Protein backbone atom coordinates (compact mmCIF):
# COMPACT_ATOMS: atom_id res chain seq x y z
CA UNK A 1 -4.00 -83.37 -13.79
CA UNK A 2 -4.62 -80.92 -11.07
CA UNK A 3 -5.07 -77.40 -12.11
CA UNK A 4 -3.44 -74.84 -9.91
CA UNK A 5 -5.07 -71.45 -10.05
CA UNK A 6 -2.65 -68.60 -9.53
CA UNK A 7 -3.67 -66.24 -6.84
CA UNK A 8 -4.69 -62.86 -8.19
CA UNK A 9 -2.03 -60.25 -7.68
CA UNK A 10 -2.62 -57.97 -4.77
CA UNK A 11 -3.70 -54.52 -5.72
CA UNK A 12 -1.34 -51.84 -4.78
CA UNK A 13 -2.68 -49.53 -2.16
CA UNK A 14 -3.79 -46.27 -3.71
CA UNK A 15 -1.46 -43.41 -3.06
CA UNK A 16 -2.89 -40.77 -0.86
CA UNK A 17 -2.89 -37.31 -2.21
CA UNK A 18 -4.09 -33.92 -1.20
CA UNK A 19 -4.93 -33.47 2.44
CA UNK A 20 -4.58 -37.18 3.16
CA UNK A 21 -0.99 -37.36 1.91
CA UNK A 22 1.64 -38.43 4.39
CA UNK A 23 3.18 -35.43 6.04
CA UNK A 24 6.92 -35.06 6.31
CA UNK A 25 8.03 -34.76 9.96
CA UNK A 26 9.02 -31.27 10.97
CA UNK A 27 12.54 -32.36 11.93
CA UNK A 28 13.04 -33.98 8.53
CA UNK A 29 11.70 -30.94 6.69
CA UNK A 30 13.96 -28.58 8.65
CA UNK A 31 16.98 -30.77 8.01
CA UNK A 32 16.20 -31.09 4.31
CA UNK A 33 15.59 -27.37 3.76
CA UNK A 34 17.82 -26.02 6.51
CA UNK A 35 19.39 -23.32 4.32
CA UNK A 36 16.00 -21.97 3.29
CA UNK A 37 14.89 -21.85 6.92
CA UNK A 38 18.16 -20.16 7.82
CA UNK A 39 17.48 -17.46 5.23
CA UNK A 40 14.07 -16.99 6.82
CA UNK A 41 15.53 -16.15 10.24
CA UNK A 42 16.45 -12.45 9.58
CA UNK A 43 12.98 -11.65 8.26
CA UNK A 44 11.23 -13.37 11.15
CA UNK A 45 13.56 -11.68 13.65
CA UNK A 46 12.82 -8.28 12.11
CA UNK A 47 9.07 -8.69 12.44
CA UNK A 48 9.29 -10.12 15.95
CA UNK A 49 11.60 -7.38 17.27
CA UNK A 50 10.23 -4.34 15.49
CA UNK A 51 6.58 -5.28 14.84
CA UNK A 52 5.29 -7.71 17.45
CA UNK A 53 7.25 -6.93 20.63
CA UNK A 54 6.40 -3.19 20.48
CA UNK A 55 2.70 -4.13 20.43
CA UNK A 56 2.96 -4.57 24.20
CA UNK A 57 3.26 -0.78 24.36
CA UNK A 58 -0.30 -0.46 23.05
CA UNK A 59 -1.45 -1.04 26.61
CA UNK A 60 -0.70 2.61 27.39
CA UNK A 61 -3.69 3.54 25.20
CA UNK A 62 -5.79 2.31 28.14
CA UNK A 63 -3.67 4.05 30.78
CA UNK A 64 -2.68 7.52 31.89
CA UNK A 65 0.89 6.64 31.10
CA UNK A 66 3.61 8.27 33.18
CA UNK A 67 7.16 7.39 32.12
CA UNK A 68 8.56 7.32 35.66
CA UNK A 69 5.83 4.86 36.71
CA UNK A 70 6.24 2.57 33.68
CA UNK A 71 3.74 0.21 32.12
CA UNK A 72 2.84 -1.59 35.34
CA UNK A 73 2.61 1.47 37.61
CA UNK A 74 0.58 3.81 35.40
CA UNK A 75 -3.13 3.98 36.30
CA UNK A 76 -5.67 2.27 34.04
CA UNK A 77 -8.41 4.47 32.58
CA UNK A 78 -10.13 2.06 30.17
CA UNK A 79 -11.57 3.70 27.05
CA UNK A 80 -11.16 7.26 28.27
CA UNK A 81 -8.76 8.32 25.51
CA UNK A 82 -10.88 6.76 22.77
CA UNK A 83 -13.92 8.66 24.06
CA UNK A 84 -11.89 11.88 23.98
CA UNK A 85 -10.84 11.13 20.41
CA UNK A 86 -14.30 10.38 19.03
CA UNK A 87 -16.04 13.17 20.96
CA UNK A 88 -13.29 15.74 20.43
CA UNK A 89 -13.56 18.68 18.02
CA UNK A 90 -10.66 17.46 15.85
CA UNK A 91 -11.95 13.98 14.96
CA UNK A 92 -14.34 15.06 12.20
CA UNK A 93 -11.76 17.28 10.52
CA UNK A 94 -9.05 14.61 10.74
CA UNK A 95 -11.34 11.91 9.36
CA UNK A 96 -12.50 14.13 6.49
CA UNK A 97 -8.98 15.17 5.49
CA UNK A 98 -7.66 11.61 5.72
CA UNK A 99 -10.51 10.00 3.80
CA UNK A 100 -10.45 12.70 1.10
CA UNK A 101 -6.74 12.11 0.50
CA UNK A 102 -7.42 8.35 0.47
CA UNK A 103 -10.20 8.82 -2.10
CA UNK A 104 -7.96 10.94 -4.32
CA UNK A 105 -5.25 8.28 -4.00
CA UNK A 106 -7.67 5.55 -5.09
CA UNK A 107 -8.97 7.57 -8.05
CA UNK A 108 -5.66 8.91 -9.40
CA UNK A 109 -2.63 7.16 -7.86
CA UNK A 110 -3.77 3.53 -7.64
CA UNK A 111 -4.73 3.09 -11.34
CA UNK A 112 -1.69 5.02 -12.62
CA UNK A 113 0.78 2.07 -12.44
CA UNK A 114 -1.77 -0.17 -14.17
CA UNK A 115 -2.22 2.30 -17.03
CA UNK A 116 1.53 2.88 -17.42
CA UNK A 117 2.21 -0.88 -17.36
CA UNK A 118 -0.40 -1.46 -20.06
CA UNK A 119 1.13 1.29 -22.20
CA UNK A 120 4.66 -0.08 -21.74
CA UNK A 121 3.42 -3.55 -22.60
CA UNK A 122 2.41 -2.24 -26.02
CA UNK A 123 5.85 -0.83 -26.76
CA UNK A 124 7.66 -3.18 -29.13
CA UNK A 125 11.03 -1.40 -29.27
CA UNK A 126 13.05 -3.04 -26.49
CA UNK A 127 15.55 -0.20 -26.00
CA UNK A 128 12.82 2.41 -25.74
CA UNK A 129 10.82 0.29 -23.29
CA UNK A 130 13.81 -0.31 -21.00
CA UNK A 131 14.79 3.36 -21.11
CA UNK A 132 11.32 4.54 -20.11
CA UNK A 133 11.16 1.97 -17.31
CA UNK A 134 14.48 3.13 -15.89
CA UNK A 135 13.49 6.80 -16.02
CA UNK A 136 10.18 6.34 -14.26
CA UNK A 137 11.74 4.11 -11.56
CA UNK A 138 14.24 6.75 -10.43
CA UNK A 139 11.86 9.00 -8.41
CA UNK A 140 11.04 6.09 -6.09
CA UNK A 141 14.57 6.18 -4.68
CA UNK A 142 14.37 9.88 -3.76
CA UNK A 143 13.37 10.76 -0.21
CA UNK A 144 10.26 12.80 0.51
CA UNK A 145 12.54 15.60 1.68
CA UNK A 146 14.03 15.89 -1.80
CA UNK A 147 10.57 15.64 -3.40
CA UNK A 148 9.24 18.43 -1.17
CA UNK A 149 12.29 20.56 -1.96
CA UNK A 150 11.80 20.08 -5.70
CA UNK A 151 8.13 20.99 -5.32
CA UNK A 152 9.11 24.17 -3.50
CA UNK A 153 11.61 25.07 -6.24
CA UNK A 154 8.96 24.55 -8.92
CA UNK A 155 5.95 26.16 -7.25
CA UNK A 156 7.38 28.83 -4.93
CA UNK A 157 5.67 32.20 -5.42
CA UNK A 158 8.89 34.21 -5.80
CA UNK A 159 11.19 32.02 -7.91
CA UNK A 160 9.18 28.90 -8.78
CA UNK A 161 9.83 27.80 -12.37
CA UNK A 162 6.39 26.34 -13.04
CA UNK A 163 4.72 29.11 -11.07
CA UNK A 164 6.39 31.68 -13.34
CA UNK A 165 5.33 29.81 -16.47
CA UNK A 166 1.74 29.59 -15.25
CA UNK A 167 1.69 33.34 -14.62
CA UNK A 168 2.94 33.98 -18.16
CA UNK A 169 0.43 31.60 -19.72
CA UNK A 170 -2.54 32.85 -17.72
CA UNK A 171 -1.45 36.48 -17.96
CA UNK A 172 -1.78 36.93 -14.21
CA UNK A 173 0.66 39.38 -12.65
CA UNK A 174 -0.19 38.35 -9.08
CA UNK A 175 2.06 35.87 -7.34
CA UNK A 176 0.09 32.81 -6.20
CA UNK A 177 1.72 30.95 -3.35
CA UNK A 178 0.83 27.38 -4.32
CA UNK A 179 2.73 25.99 -1.35
CA UNK A 180 0.64 27.84 1.21
CA UNK A 181 -2.88 27.97 -0.20
CA UNK A 182 -5.33 25.37 1.06
CA UNK A 183 -6.91 24.62 -2.32
CA UNK A 184 -3.52 23.64 -3.79
CA UNK A 185 -2.40 21.35 -0.97
CA UNK A 186 -4.19 18.19 -2.08
CA UNK A 187 -3.37 18.55 -5.81
CA UNK A 188 0.32 18.94 -4.95
CA UNK A 189 0.22 15.87 -2.67
CA UNK A 190 -1.35 13.74 -5.42
CA UNK A 191 1.11 15.03 -8.04
CA UNK A 192 4.01 14.12 -5.76
CA UNK A 193 2.67 10.61 -5.22
CA UNK A 194 2.08 10.11 -8.94
CA UNK A 195 5.60 11.20 -9.80
CA UNK A 196 7.30 9.20 -7.05
CA UNK A 197 5.28 5.97 -6.89
CA UNK A 198 3.89 5.27 -10.36
CA UNK A 199 7.07 3.93 -11.91
CA UNK A 200 7.85 1.61 -9.01
CA UNK A 201 4.28 0.29 -8.95
CA UNK A 202 4.49 -0.79 -12.57
CA UNK A 203 7.02 -3.52 -11.67
CA UNK A 204 4.35 -5.82 -10.26
CA UNK A 205 1.94 -5.32 -13.14
CA UNK A 206 4.65 -5.73 -15.79
CA UNK A 207 5.59 -9.02 -14.12
CA UNK A 208 1.94 -10.09 -14.28
CA UNK A 209 1.74 -9.08 -17.95
CA UNK A 210 4.89 -11.07 -18.75
CA UNK A 211 3.15 -14.26 -17.57
CA UNK A 212 0.26 -13.92 -20.04
CA UNK A 213 0.29 -16.76 -22.59
CA UNK A 214 1.11 -15.34 -26.07
CA UNK A 215 -1.13 -17.98 -27.60
CA UNK A 216 -4.12 -16.14 -26.18
CA UNK A 217 -3.23 -13.05 -28.20
CA UNK A 218 -2.68 -15.21 -31.29
CA UNK A 219 -6.10 -16.80 -30.88
CA UNK A 220 -7.68 -13.37 -30.37
CA UNK A 221 -6.06 -12.06 -33.57
CA UNK A 222 -7.31 -15.08 -35.49
CA UNK A 223 -10.80 -14.24 -34.29
CA UNK A 224 -10.43 -10.74 -35.66
CA UNK A 225 -9.78 -8.92 -32.39
CA UNK A 226 -7.90 -5.64 -32.64
CA UNK A 227 -5.47 -4.19 -30.11
CA UNK A 228 -8.20 -2.73 -27.91
CA UNK A 229 -10.24 -5.94 -27.83
CA UNK A 230 -7.10 -7.93 -27.02
CA UNK A 231 -6.47 -5.53 -24.16
CA UNK A 232 -10.04 -5.80 -22.90
CA UNK A 233 -10.58 -9.55 -23.30
CA UNK A 234 -7.07 -10.96 -22.75
CA UNK A 235 -4.76 -8.57 -20.92
CA UNK A 236 -7.08 -7.13 -18.29
CA UNK A 237 -8.59 -10.50 -17.25
CA UNK A 238 -5.06 -11.93 -16.97
CA UNK A 239 -3.89 -9.26 -14.51
CA UNK A 240 -7.20 -9.00 -12.63
CA UNK A 241 -6.05 -11.23 -9.73
CA UNK A 242 -2.98 -9.06 -9.25
CA UNK A 243 -5.07 -5.90 -9.27
CA UNK A 244 -7.44 -7.39 -6.70
CA UNK A 245 -4.60 -8.37 -4.35
CA UNK A 246 -3.01 -4.93 -4.64
CA UNK A 247 -6.38 -3.29 -3.99
CA UNK A 248 -6.88 -5.38 -0.84
CA UNK A 249 -3.43 -4.44 0.43
CA UNK A 250 -4.04 -0.77 -0.38
CA UNK A 251 -7.33 -0.80 1.52
CA UNK A 252 -5.47 -1.38 4.76
CA UNK A 253 -3.61 1.90 4.26
CA UNK A 254 -6.62 4.12 3.62
CA UNK A 255 -6.11 5.93 6.93
CA UNK A 256 -2.33 5.98 6.48
CA UNK A 257 -1.64 9.17 4.55
CA UNK A 258 2.11 9.10 5.12
CA UNK A 259 3.59 11.23 7.87
CA UNK A 260 6.78 12.43 6.20
CA UNK A 261 5.19 13.75 3.01
CA UNK A 262 2.31 15.50 4.77
CA UNK A 263 4.59 16.94 7.45
CA UNK A 264 7.00 18.44 4.92
CA UNK A 265 4.16 20.01 2.92
CA UNK A 266 2.29 21.45 5.91
CA UNK A 267 2.50 25.15 6.68
CA UNK A 268 0.71 27.37 9.13
CA UNK A 269 -1.57 28.56 6.31
CA UNK A 270 -2.76 25.15 5.04
CA UNK A 271 -2.87 23.23 8.33
CA UNK A 272 -6.67 23.09 8.39
CA UNK A 273 -6.66 20.82 5.30
CA UNK A 274 -3.27 19.20 5.93
CA UNK A 275 -3.94 17.72 9.37
CA UNK A 276 -4.41 13.95 9.16
CA UNK A 277 -4.17 11.17 11.74
CA UNK A 278 -0.45 10.63 11.06
CA UNK A 279 0.54 14.22 11.80
CA UNK A 280 -2.00 14.49 14.62
CA UNK A 281 -0.28 11.63 16.45
CA UNK A 282 2.97 13.59 16.29
CA UNK A 283 1.37 16.82 17.49
CA UNK A 284 -0.43 15.13 20.38
CA UNK A 285 2.29 12.72 21.41
CA UNK A 286 5.52 14.65 20.89
CA UNK A 287 4.73 18.35 21.06
CA UNK A 288 1.96 18.12 23.69
CA UNK A 289 3.20 15.08 25.62
CA UNK A 290 -0.16 13.23 25.43
CA UNK A 291 1.50 9.84 24.96
CA UNK A 292 -1.50 7.71 25.92
CA UNK A 293 -3.90 9.76 23.81
CA UNK A 294 -1.68 9.61 20.72
CA UNK A 295 -1.28 5.85 21.22
CA UNK A 296 -5.06 5.53 21.23
CA UNK A 297 -5.20 7.42 17.93
CA UNK A 298 -2.60 5.10 16.42
CA UNK A 299 -4.41 2.02 17.72
CA UNK A 300 -7.64 3.26 16.16
CA UNK A 301 -5.85 3.57 12.81
CA UNK A 302 -4.43 0.06 13.10
CA UNK A 303 -7.75 -1.56 14.00
CA UNK A 304 -9.50 0.30 11.19
CA UNK A 305 -6.84 -0.92 8.74
CA UNK A 306 -7.31 -4.56 9.81
CA UNK A 307 -11.09 -4.25 9.44
CA UNK A 308 -10.70 -2.73 5.98
CA UNK A 309 -8.38 -5.54 4.83
CA UNK A 310 -10.73 -8.28 6.04
CA UNK A 311 -13.73 -6.43 4.61
CA UNK A 312 -12.16 -5.88 1.20
CA UNK A 313 -10.98 -9.50 1.10
CA UNK A 314 -14.52 -10.69 1.88
CA UNK A 315 -15.95 -8.40 -0.79
CA UNK A 316 -13.45 -9.67 -3.37
CA UNK A 317 -14.48 -13.27 -2.69
CA UNK A 318 -18.16 -12.34 -2.88
CA UNK A 319 -17.48 -10.86 -6.33
CA UNK A 320 -15.91 -14.12 -7.50
CA UNK A 321 -12.23 -13.21 -7.07
CA UNK A 322 -9.67 -15.28 -5.19
CA UNK A 323 -8.91 -12.71 -2.52
CA UNK A 324 -5.79 -12.47 -0.40
CA UNK A 325 -6.53 -15.26 2.10
């Protein structure tokens, strides 16, 4: 009797995964997710119209731009305006004022949302936690004009509420004009930023804290860890990637002190410490008509910001963090 051997079953081809996985055609992907792509159109249009197309105007930083000649008719001067900026008498003062404000922002303003978020995360009474969150969010929605006006009402030499209290506490009969003195300019700027931005900044860190696995805290308590050790060994490592990403993004704005706030707080008596690159661009470009020179100053700020972002991202990866890209 002949024995018939069954042919071994063919092995199924292994499914490709990762980079070797079959890619969905672009037309199919667009058709499948057409509503998501449609929702993407306004954001892309905004960046193209208001961010990328105006970059063509940066060419006037290398020209002696004359409006009646236009972009194509204005004479090219190369790096003339950048040489004037770096060799000019104002560059050192502008750089010092800008970097000092940036340093104060890093030391006081940047960690404030992290600290407040950690404190709110320890609050166990839900009503109290929500109430505090709502109260500290409100200043974010006020314009810098209102913030500057409130600062003037509080610290004005003649009728300032806090200025009067400080005179009574210190026993000083002299009227100190906090709004005009140079030594008080930077503290007032930092206090404004703390009051206006801290509450809004906590949103990101509270979201990061909400994603921490509660089992990690339970395991830490079983090992005998108190509240501080749970904070140090569980909470902070869990939000470290978020802190790193926010630090990288903030590094790109080190030379961006904020025009509106600085402009509203600047007076003729504190201008020597209040002048930064943002206000200098306005002075040079609008009041003095040096359009090409002010564009060169703005381009310098932008290039420096890009370098700082790439540098901080590289440093984060060298220190073992994920980085931004």
